[in-house]
Amino acid sequence: MTSPDFSIEFFPPKTAEGTDKLRATRARMAVLNPKYFSVTFGAGGSTQQGTLDTVLDIRSEGHQAAPHISCLGSSRARLRDILAEYRSHGIQRLVALRGDLPSGYGAMDAASGEFRFANELVEFIRAESGDWFHVEVGAYPEMHPQARSPSDDMQHFVRKVQAGADAAITQYFYNADAYFRFVDSARKHGVQVPIVAGVMPITNYTQLMRFSDMCGAEIPRWIRLALASYGDDSESIRAFGLDVVTAMCERLLAGGAPGLHFYSLNQAGPTMAICQRLDASLV
């Protein structure tokens, strides 16, 4: 099989020890030759400095890096400074997201801000930087948890692409049909940009349930029941998760997904195990 085009996501460490651990993680994962490493931010861009520091660390190692950038809770002036700083360091790829408000902020705070939606952020990036940045946006095969309907969610997605996005990365999912239906619907709405499938390795049942409740990702009943049946048997959970996620990735790639974006949670092992199964020549 042809080696898939894929990327790997990290979150910025908060301690010197975490920074060292992430460097070791990247060193292990570098043998996979990912297209780029992306780096998230906290609510309201609260870890933006950590995002920049991690991105520059990645660049110093000779890898491509893509910082996530959030507009919710940010001013135009602040975002203009962030874009200029990334550009000054030669960074040419961004993941542009609406983001979440910092703790203690509510809907009224969001409504009173300078940006409300990700399409406004993409428009701002294009107005400020032209085509300097390759801009990726988020996509939700199972609908954004705050969307009113699948149709409404698709219209939001279309607006982000029309604003100037180059590609999209989906929220993680465990139902390949949801991805294929979303892509088919996007194409019918005139969206032609690549829609990369987001992949979350399964390693911890409780953690997975918590993440999925927050982001609206559905865990199919048969997967939930199987994971619950393993109890505290972490080895069985990892083995089952590896089988399930690898099989889904194989189907996604066979069905035309242009690439895979792994939500690594700063761990090398789970993503590397999936990639080894997908294509032994990668390692």
Protein backbone atom coordinates (compact mmCIF):
# COMPACT_ATOMS: atom_id res chain seq x y z
CA MET A 1 0.00 0.00 0.00
CA THR A 2 1.12 3.57 -0.67
CA SER A 3 2.36 5.38 2.43
CA PRO A 4 -0.44 7.65 3.69
CA ASP A 5 -0.02 11.40 3.99
CA PHE A 6 -0.48 12.16 7.67
CA SER A 7 0.18 14.61 10.47
CA ILE A 8 0.50 14.39 14.25
CA GLU A 9 -0.91 16.72 16.89
CA PHE A 10 0.64 17.68 20.24
CA PHE A 11 -0.34 19.99 23.08
CA PRO A 12 2.25 22.41 24.53
CA PRO A 13 3.96 21.10 27.69
CA LYS A 14 3.60 23.12 30.86
CA THR A 15 6.85 22.08 32.53
CA ALA A 16 10.51 21.66 31.61
CA GLU A 17 10.12 17.92 32.23
CA GLY A 18 7.14 17.84 29.87
CA THR A 19 9.17 19.66 27.22
CA ASP A 20 11.95 17.08 27.48
CA LYS A 21 9.45 14.22 27.27
CA LEU A 22 7.82 15.70 24.19
CA ARG A 23 11.21 16.09 22.49
CA ALA A 24 11.85 12.40 23.13
CA THR A 25 8.38 11.58 21.78
CA ARG A 26 9.04 13.55 18.60
CA ALA A 27 12.40 11.88 18.16
CA ARG A 28 10.65 8.50 18.16
CA MET A 29 7.87 9.62 15.83
CA ALA A 30 10.17 11.38 13.38
CA VAL A 31 10.94 8.02 11.73
CA LEU A 32 7.33 8.08 10.46
CA ASN A 33 8.13 11.18 8.36
CA PRO A 34 4.86 13.03 9.11
CA LYS A 35 3.91 15.88 6.82
CA TYR A 36 3.92 18.17 9.85
CA PHE A 37 3.38 18.33 13.60
CA SER A 38 0.57 20.59 14.83
CA VAL A 39 0.43 22.22 18.26
CA THR A 40 -2.76 23.12 20.11
CA PHE A 41 -3.56 26.01 22.44
CA GLY A 42 -5.58 26.46 25.63
CA ALA A 43 -9.05 28.02 25.89
CA GLY A 44 -9.03 31.58 24.58
CA GLY A 45 -5.48 31.06 23.31
CA SER A 46 -4.28 30.89 26.92
CA THR A 47 -1.21 28.78 26.06
CA GLN A 48 -0.30 30.72 22.92
CA GLN A 49 3.26 31.36 24.11
CA GLY A 50 3.65 27.67 24.87
CA THR A 51 2.31 26.93 21.40
CA LEU A 52 4.92 29.21 19.80
CA ASP A 53 7.74 27.80 21.93
CA THR A 54 6.79 24.24 20.97
CA VAL A 55 6.45 25.12 17.30
CA LEU A 56 9.89 26.73 17.26
CA ASP A 57 11.31 23.68 19.02
CA ILE A 58 9.84 21.49 16.28
CA ARG A 59 11.22 23.74 13.57
CA SER A 60 14.69 23.66 15.15
CA GLU A 61 14.60 19.87 14.77
CA GLY A 62 14.01 20.23 11.04
CA HIS A 63 10.30 19.36 10.98
CA GLN A 64 7.34 21.29 9.59
CA ALA A 65 5.06 22.70 12.28
CA ALA A 66 1.54 24.13 12.33
CA PRO A 67 0.37 26.14 15.33
CA HIS A 68 -3.31 26.18 16.15
CA ILE A 69 -4.72 29.69 16.35
CA SER A 70 -7.99 30.68 18.05
CA CYS A 71 -10.11 33.77 17.55
CA LEU A 72 -12.66 33.50 20.38
CA GLY A 73 -11.65 35.83 23.19
CA SER A 74 -8.92 37.45 21.03
CA SER A 75 -8.75 40.95 19.60
CA ARG A 76 -7.74 41.86 16.06
CA ALA A 77 -4.65 43.57 17.41
CA ARG A 78 -3.59 40.49 19.37
CA LEU A 79 -4.19 38.18 16.41
CA ARG A 80 -2.32 40.56 14.11
CA ASP A 81 0.69 40.34 16.44
CA ILE A 82 0.47 36.52 16.58
CA LEU A 83 0.33 36.24 12.79
CA ALA A 84 3.27 38.60 12.40
CA GLU A 85 5.33 36.63 14.92
CA TYR A 86 4.64 33.30 13.23
CA ARG A 87 5.44 34.84 9.87
CA SER A 88 8.71 36.30 11.19
CA HIS A 89 9.78 32.76 12.10
CA GLY A 90 8.96 31.46 8.63
CA ILE A 91 5.97 29.43 9.75
CA GLN A 92 3.63 28.95 6.80
CA ARG A 93 0.95 26.58 8.07
CA LEU A 94 -1.87 27.32 10.55
CA VAL A 95 -4.80 25.40 11.98
CA ALA A 96 -7.49 28.09 12.37
CA LEU A 97 -10.24 27.32 14.89
CA ARG A 98 -12.90 29.26 16.70
CA GLY A 99 -11.69 27.80 20.00
CA ASP A 100 -13.24 27.83 23.45
CA LEU A 101 -13.62 30.69 25.89
CA PRO A 102 -11.38 30.72 28.96
CA SER A 103 -12.88 29.45 32.20
CA GLY A 104 -15.24 31.99 33.75
CA TYR A 105 -16.35 33.47 30.42
CA GLY A 106 -19.85 33.00 29.08
CA ALA A 107 -21.90 33.40 25.93
CA MET A 108 -22.22 37.18 26.45
CA ASP A 109 -18.43 37.48 26.48
CA ALA A 110 -18.24 35.64 23.16
CA ALA A 111 -20.96 37.80 21.61
CA SER A 112 -19.18 41.00 22.64
CA GLY A 113 -15.82 39.96 21.20
CA GLU A 114 -14.35 40.97 17.84
CA PHE A 115 -14.75 37.46 16.41
CA ARG A 116 -17.51 34.90 16.83
CA PHE A 117 -16.87 32.25 14.20
CA ALA A 118 -13.89 30.54 12.57
CA ASN A 119 -14.79 31.83 9.10
CA GLU A 120 -14.18 35.37 10.42
CA LEU A 121 -10.74 34.25 11.60
CA VAL A 122 -9.91 32.76 8.19
CA GLU A 123 -11.03 35.98 6.49
CA PHE A 124 -8.83 37.98 8.86
CA ILE A 125 -5.80 35.76 8.20
CA ARG A 126 -6.24 36.19 4.45
CA ALA A 127 -6.73 39.95 4.76
CA GLU A 128 -3.61 40.29 6.91
CA SER A 129 -1.31 37.74 5.28
CA GLY A 130 -2.62 36.95 1.81
CA ASP A 131 -1.55 33.46 0.74
CA TRP A 132 1.46 33.27 3.06
CA PHE A 133 -0.22 30.68 5.32
CA HIS A 134 -1.64 27.30 4.37
CA VAL A 135 -4.81 27.39 6.48
CA GLU A 136 -6.55 24.29 7.80
CA VAL A 137 -9.93 24.45 9.54
CA GLY A 138 -11.96 22.04 11.64
CA ALA A 139 -14.72 19.74 10.38
CA TYR A 140 -17.26 17.70 12.34
CA PRO A 141 -18.50 14.49 10.66
CA GLU A 142 -20.89 13.87 13.55
CA MET A 143 -21.89 17.55 13.89
CA HIS A 144 -20.36 20.20 16.13
CA PRO A 145 -21.83 19.84 19.65
CA GLN A 146 -23.11 23.43 19.55
CA ALA A 147 -24.63 23.27 16.04
CA ARG A 148 -28.41 23.39 15.73
CA SER A 149 -28.59 20.77 12.99
CA PRO A 150 -26.38 18.89 10.51
CA SER A 151 -27.49 21.31 7.80
CA ASP A 152 -26.58 24.32 9.92
CA ASP A 153 -23.22 22.76 10.77
CA MET A 154 -22.47 22.13 7.09
CA GLN A 155 -23.25 25.75 6.25
CA HIS A 156 -20.73 26.87 8.88
CA PHE A 157 -18.15 24.55 7.35
CA VAL A 158 -18.82 25.84 3.84
CA ARG A 159 -18.37 29.44 5.04
CA LYS A 160 -14.95 28.57 6.51
CA VAL A 161 -13.82 27.11 3.21
CA GLN A 162 -15.24 30.00 1.20
CA ALA A 163 -13.37 32.40 3.50
CA GLY A 164 -10.10 30.96 2.23
CA ALA A 165 -9.30 27.65 3.95
CA ASP A 166 -6.93 25.36 2.05
CA ALA A 167 -7.94 22.13 3.77
CA ALA A 168 -9.84 20.72 6.74
CA ILE A 169 -9.13 18.31 9.59
CA THR A 170 -12.03 16.44 11.16
CA GLN A 171 -12.82 15.85 14.78
CA TYR A 172 -12.01 12.24 15.65
CA PHE A 173 -14.68 9.60 15.13
CA TYR A 174 -15.04 5.82 15.16
CA ASN A 175 -17.65 5.44 12.42
CA ALA A 176 -16.08 5.67 8.98
CA ASP A 177 -19.52 6.04 7.39
CA ALA A 178 -19.96 9.36 9.22
CA TYR A 179 -16.78 10.64 7.57
CA PHE A 180 -17.79 9.48 4.09
CA ARG A 181 -21.27 10.99 4.45
CA PHE A 182 -19.78 14.30 5.57
CA VAL A 183 -17.36 14.41 2.65
CA ASP A 184 -20.14 13.55 0.19
CA SER A 185 -22.31 16.33 1.61
CA ALA A 186 -19.41 18.82 1.48
CA ARG A 187 -18.76 17.99 -2.17
CA LYS A 188 -22.44 18.51 -2.99
CA HIS A 189 -22.13 21.95 -1.37
CA GLY A 190 -19.23 22.81 -3.66
CA VAL A 191 -16.39 22.17 -1.20
CA GLN A 192 -13.39 20.72 -3.02
CA VAL A 193 -10.57 21.16 -0.48
CA PRO A 194 -8.98 18.05 1.08
CA ILE A 195 -10.79 16.83 4.21
CA VAL A 196 -8.28 14.93 6.34
CA ALA A 197 -9.63 12.34 8.79
CA GLY A 198 -8.85 12.97 12.45
CA VAL A 199 -7.84 9.83 14.36
CA MET A 200 -7.74 9.28 18.14
CA PRO A 201 -5.95 6.10 19.25
CA ILE A 202 -7.83 4.21 21.98
CA THR A 203 -5.71 3.60 25.07
CA ASN A 204 -7.87 4.56 28.07
CA TYR A 205 -11.63 4.02 28.33
CA THR A 206 -12.37 6.65 30.99
CA GLN A 207 -10.28 9.29 29.25
CA LEU A 208 -11.91 8.52 25.90
CA MET A 209 -15.42 8.86 27.36
CA ARG A 210 -14.52 12.20 28.93
CA PHE A 211 -13.03 13.61 25.74
CA SER A 212 -15.94 12.38 23.65
CA ASP A 213 -18.52 13.91 25.99
CA MET A 214 -16.76 17.27 25.65
CA CYS A 215 -16.35 17.32 21.88
CA GLY A 216 -19.48 15.48 20.77
CA ALA A 217 -17.67 12.52 19.18
CA GLU A 218 -19.81 9.39 19.24
CA ILE A 219 -18.42 6.11 20.51
CA PRO A 220 -20.44 3.32 18.82
CA ARG A 221 -22.27 1.10 21.29
CA TRP A 222 -20.35 -2.04 20.37
CA ILE A 223 -17.06 -0.27 21.07
CA ARG A 224 -18.29 1.15 24.39
CA LEU A 225 -19.54 -2.24 25.57
CA ALA A 226 -16.32 -3.99 24.58
CA LEU A 227 -14.15 -1.40 26.31
CA ALA A 228 -16.30 -1.48 29.44
CA SER A 229 -16.02 -5.26 29.55
CA TYR A 230 -12.23 -5.06 29.94
CA GLY A 231 -12.51 -3.14 33.20
CA ASP A 232 -9.01 -2.18 34.41
CA ASP A 233 -7.26 -4.49 31.94
CA SER A 234 -5.32 -1.74 30.17
CA GLU A 235 -3.39 -4.16 27.98
CA SER A 236 -6.61 -5.61 26.54
CA ILE A 237 -8.03 -2.10 26.03
CA ARG A 238 -4.95 -1.06 24.07
CA ALA A 239 -4.96 -4.23 21.97
CA PHE A 240 -8.67 -3.88 21.18
CA GLY A 241 -8.26 -0.18 20.43
CA LEU A 242 -5.35 -0.86 18.09
CA ASP A 243 -7.41 -3.39 16.14
CA VAL A 244 -10.47 -1.13 15.88
CA VAL A 245 -8.66 2.09 14.95
CA THR A 246 -6.29 0.45 12.47
CA ALA A 247 -9.19 -1.24 10.68
CA MET A 248 -11.00 2.08 10.48
CA CYS A 249 -7.90 3.84 9.10
CA GLU A 250 -7.51 1.15 6.45
CA ARG A 251 -11.10 1.68 5.37
CA LEU A 252 -10.72 5.46 5.35
CA LEU A 253 -7.62 5.35 3.15
CA ALA A 254 -9.13 2.74 0.84
CA GLY A 255 -12.23 4.94 0.55
CA GLY A 256 -10.27 8.00 -0.56
CA ALA A 257 -9.39 9.92 2.60
CA PRO A 258 -6.48 12.19 1.58
CA GLY A 259 -4.68 11.68 4.85
CA LEU A 260 -4.85 10.99 8.57
CA HIS A 261 -4.31 13.45 11.43
CA PHE A 262 -3.41 11.70 14.69
CA TYR A 263 -4.43 13.19 18.04
CA SER A 264 -1.39 11.78 19.86
CA LEU A 265 -1.95 13.25 23.35
CA ASN A 266 1.86 13.62 23.40
CA GLN A 267 2.35 9.84 23.31
CA ALA A 268 4.38 8.09 20.61
CA GLY A 269 3.44 4.44 21.12
CA PRO A 270 -0.25 4.30 20.10
CA THR A 271 0.14 6.30 16.88
CA MET A 272 3.32 4.46 15.91
CA ALA A 273 1.62 1.09 16.44
CA ILE A 274 -1.21 2.08 14.09
CA CYS A 275 1.22 3.34 11.46
CA GLN A 276 3.30 0.19 11.68
CA ARG A 277 0.22 -1.86 10.93
CA LEU A 278 -0.91 0.43 8.14
CA ASP A 279 2.42 0.30 6.37
CA ALA A 280 5.39 -1.60 7.73
CA SER A 281 7.70 0.32 5.38
CA LEU A 282 7.15 3.50 7.39
CA VAL A 283 9.43 2.30 10.17
